[in-house]
Amino acid sequence: MKSFLVIGNIVGSGLFALWLAYHFASGPLVVGRTDAIIGEPDFFLLLPVWGAGAFLVWRYFLKKGWGSVTYMDIVLTNVTLWLTIPGGFYVSTMFI
């Protein structure tokens, strides 16, 4: 059950990060670029930041072992993983 919670959260937050990056790269902040599908590719810098967070979360659970992980560890690391998305958004907006 613990591995399902962690893997499910990594996949869910990854899909959300991908959708968010694509949405902002092609959508609301792109002004006057109607001929391009992706108007501002800098927003895809959100994905490496999220990827680094996902890698660290996965590595933490592999090193600690599934048997010794508490549910509080799972909740705190999953919240940290979701916080990498706004952090990546901040990093990507620094280049616009």
C-alpha atoms as a PDB file:
ATOM      1  CA  MET A   1       0.000   0.000   0.000  1.00  0.00           C
ATOM      2  CA  LYS A   2       2.833   2.408   0.811  1.00  0.00           C
ATOM      3  CA  SER A   3       4.515   1.945  -2.545  1.00  0.00           C
ATOM      4  CA  PHE A   4       1.179   2.483  -4.304  1.00  0.00           C
ATOM      5  CA  LEU A   5       0.725   5.802  -2.481  1.00  0.00           C
ATOM      6  CA  VAL A   6       4.188   7.031  -3.398  1.00  0.00           C
ATOM      7  CA  ILE A   7       4.177   5.860  -7.018  1.00  0.00           C
ATOM      8  CA  GLY A   8       0.625   7.111  -7.529  1.00  0.00           C
ATOM      9  CA  ASN A   9       1.552  10.503  -6.181  1.00  0.00           C
ATOM     10  CA  ILE A  10       4.663  10.725  -8.365  1.00  0.00           C
ATOM     11  CA  VAL A  11       2.643   9.833 -11.463  1.00  0.00           C
ATOM     12  CA  GLY A  12      -0.246  12.154 -10.533  1.00  0.00           C
ATOM     13  CA  SER A  13       1.933  15.131  -9.761  1.00  0.00           C
ATOM     14  CA  GLY A  14       3.986  14.448 -12.897  1.00  0.00           C
ATOM     15  CA  LEU A  15       0.900  14.497 -15.094  1.00  0.00           C
ATOM     16  CA  PHE A  16      -0.250  17.698 -13.421  1.00  0.00           C
ATOM     17  CA  ALA A  17       3.192  19.294 -13.897  1.00  0.00           C
ATOM     18  CA  LEU A  18       3.193  18.295 -17.557  1.00  0.00           C
ATOM     19  CA  TRP A  19      -0.302  19.693 -18.095  1.00  0.00           C
ATOM     20  CA  LEU A  20       0.565  22.918 -16.272  1.00  0.00           C
ATOM     21  CA  ALA A  21       3.760  23.429 -18.258  1.00  0.00           C
ATOM     22  CA  TYR A  22       1.960  22.816 -21.558  1.00  0.00           C
ATOM     23  CA  HIS A  23      -0.947  25.046 -20.559  1.00  0.00           C
ATOM     24  CA  PHE A  24       1.250  28.012 -19.723  1.00  0.00           C
ATOM     25  CA  ALA A  25       3.598  27.421 -22.653  1.00  0.00           C
ATOM     26  CA  SER A  26       0.754  27.614 -25.138  1.00  0.00           C
ATOM     27  CA  GLY A  27      -1.873  29.611 -23.366  1.00  0.00           C
ATOM     28  CA  PRO A  28      -2.573  32.629 -21.264  1.00  0.00           C
ATOM     29  CA  LEU A  29       0.750  34.475 -21.167  1.00  0.00           C
ATOM     30  CA  VAL A  30       1.545  34.054 -24.854  1.00  0.00           C
ATOM     31  CA  VAL A  31       0.530  37.283 -26.550  1.00  0.00           C
ATOM     32  CA  GLY A  32       0.590  37.893 -30.289  1.00  0.00           C
ATOM     33  CA  ARG A  33       1.956  34.499 -31.331  1.00  0.00           C
ATOM     34  CA  THR A  34      -1.001  32.916 -33.059  1.00  0.00           C
ATOM     35  CA  ASP A  35       1.028  30.940 -35.598  1.00  0.00           C
ATOM     36  CA  ALA A  36       2.882  28.815 -33.010  1.00  0.00           C
ATOM     37  CA  ILE A  37       1.505  25.873 -31.028  1.00  0.00           C
ATOM     38  CA  ILE A  38       4.044  26.407 -28.252  1.00  0.00           C
ATOM     39  CA  GLY A  39       4.510  30.117 -27.823  1.00  0.00           C
ATOM     40  CA  GLU A  40       6.711  30.301 -24.733  1.00  0.00           C
ATOM     41  CA  PRO A  41       8.806  27.140 -24.261  1.00  0.00           C
ATOM     42  CA  ASP A  42      10.523  28.524 -21.153  1.00  0.00           C
ATOM     43  CA  PHE A  43       7.637  27.199 -19.076  1.00  0.00           C
ATOM     44  CA  PHE A  44       8.880  23.664 -19.738  1.00  0.00           C
ATOM     45  CA  LEU A  45      11.713  24.410 -17.278  1.00  0.00           C
ATOM     46  CA  LEU A  46       9.127  23.469 -14.670  1.00  0.00           C
ATOM     47  CA  LEU A  47       9.585  19.804 -15.626  1.00  0.00           C
ATOM     48  CA  PRO A  48      13.289  19.403 -14.727  1.00  0.00           C
ATOM     49  CA  VAL A  49      12.666  21.010 -11.333  1.00  0.00           C
ATOM     50  CA  TRP A  50       9.776  18.630 -10.709  1.00  0.00           C
ATOM     51  CA  GLY A  51      11.880  15.738 -12.031  1.00  0.00           C
ATOM     52  CA  ALA A  52      14.652  16.497  -9.556  1.00  0.00           C
ATOM     53  CA  GLY A  53      12.108  16.497  -6.735  1.00  0.00           C
ATOM     54  CA  ALA A  54      10.588  13.225  -7.924  1.00  0.00           C
ATOM     55  CA  PHE A  55      14.025  11.637  -8.154  1.00  0.00           C
ATOM     56  CA  LEU A  56      14.886  12.695  -4.610  1.00  0.00           C
ATOM     57  CA  VAL A  57      11.567  11.391  -3.260  1.00  0.00           C
ATOM     58  CA  TRP A  58      12.018   8.053  -5.033  1.00  0.00           C
ATOM     59  CA  ARG A  59      15.618   7.759  -3.864  1.00  0.00           C
ATOM     60  CA  TYR A  60      14.584   8.537  -0.282  1.00  0.00           C
ATOM     61  CA  PHE A  61      12.080   5.696  -0.221  1.00  0.00           C
ATOM     62  CA  LEU A  62      14.426   3.217  -1.893  1.00  0.00           C
ATOM     63  CA  LYS A  63      17.220   3.945   0.576  1.00  0.00           C
ATOM     64  CA  LYS A  64      14.995   3.854   3.646  1.00  0.00           C
ATOM     65  CA  GLY A  65      13.097   0.723   2.638  1.00  0.00           C
ATOM     66  CA  TRP A  66       9.343   0.328   2.388  1.00  0.00           C
ATOM     67  CA  GLY A  67       9.036  -1.499   5.707  1.00  0.00           C
ATOM     68  CA  SER A  68      10.505   1.274   7.840  1.00  0.00           C
ATOM     69  CA  VAL A  69       8.635   4.148   6.197  1.00  0.00           C
ATOM     70  CA  THR A  70       5.844   5.717   8.225  1.00  0.00           C
ATOM     71  CA  TYR A  71       2.762   7.297   6.732  1.00  0.00           C
ATOM     72  CA  MET A  72       3.904  10.668   8.070  1.00  0.00           C
ATOM     73  CA  ASP A  73       7.066  10.310   5.933  1.00  0.00           C
ATOM     74  CA  ILE A  74       4.887   9.602   2.914  1.00  0.00           C
ATOM     75  CA  VAL A  75       2.682  12.636   3.547  1.00  0.00           C
ATOM     76  CA  LEU A  76       5.601  15.019   4.119  1.00  0.00           C
ATOM     77  CA  THR A  77       7.576  13.894   1.086  1.00  0.00           C
ATOM     78  CA  ASN A  78       4.491  13.967  -1.116  1.00  0.00           C
ATOM     79  CA  VAL A  79       3.712  17.520  -0.002  1.00  0.00           C
ATOM     80  CA  THR A  80       7.319  18.419  -0.757  1.00  0.00           C
ATOM     81  CA  LEU A  81       6.962  16.867  -4.207  1.00  0.00           C
ATOM     82  CA  TRP A  82       3.869  18.941  -4.916  1.00  0.00           C
ATOM     83  CA  LEU A  83       5.719  22.062  -3.759  1.00  0.00           C
ATOM     84  CA  THR A  84       8.337  21.550  -6.462  1.00  0.00           C
ATOM     85  CA  ILE A  85       5.688  22.486  -9.046  1.00  0.00           C
ATOM     86  CA  PRO A  86       5.310  26.123  -7.867  1.00  0.00           C
ATOM     87  CA  GLY A  87       9.081  26.210  -7.384  1.00  0.00           C
ATOM     88  CA  GLY A  88       9.590  25.124 -10.985  1.00  0.00           C
ATOM     89  CA  PHE A  89       7.011  27.654 -12.116  1.00  0.00           C
ATOM     90  CA  TYR A  90       8.980  30.371 -10.326  1.00  0.00           C
ATOM     91  CA  VAL A  91      12.222  29.241 -11.968  1.00  0.00           C
ATOM     92  CA  SER A  92      10.604  29.174 -15.407  1.00  0.00           C
ATOM     93  CA  THR A  93       9.150  32.683 -15.036  1.00  0.00           C
ATOM     94  CA  MET A  94      12.610  34.060 -14.246  1.00  0.00           C
ATOM     95  CA  PHE A  95      13.577  33.447 -17.896  1.00  0.00           C
ATOM     96  CA  ILE A  96      10.582  35.168 -19.499  1.00  0.00           C
END
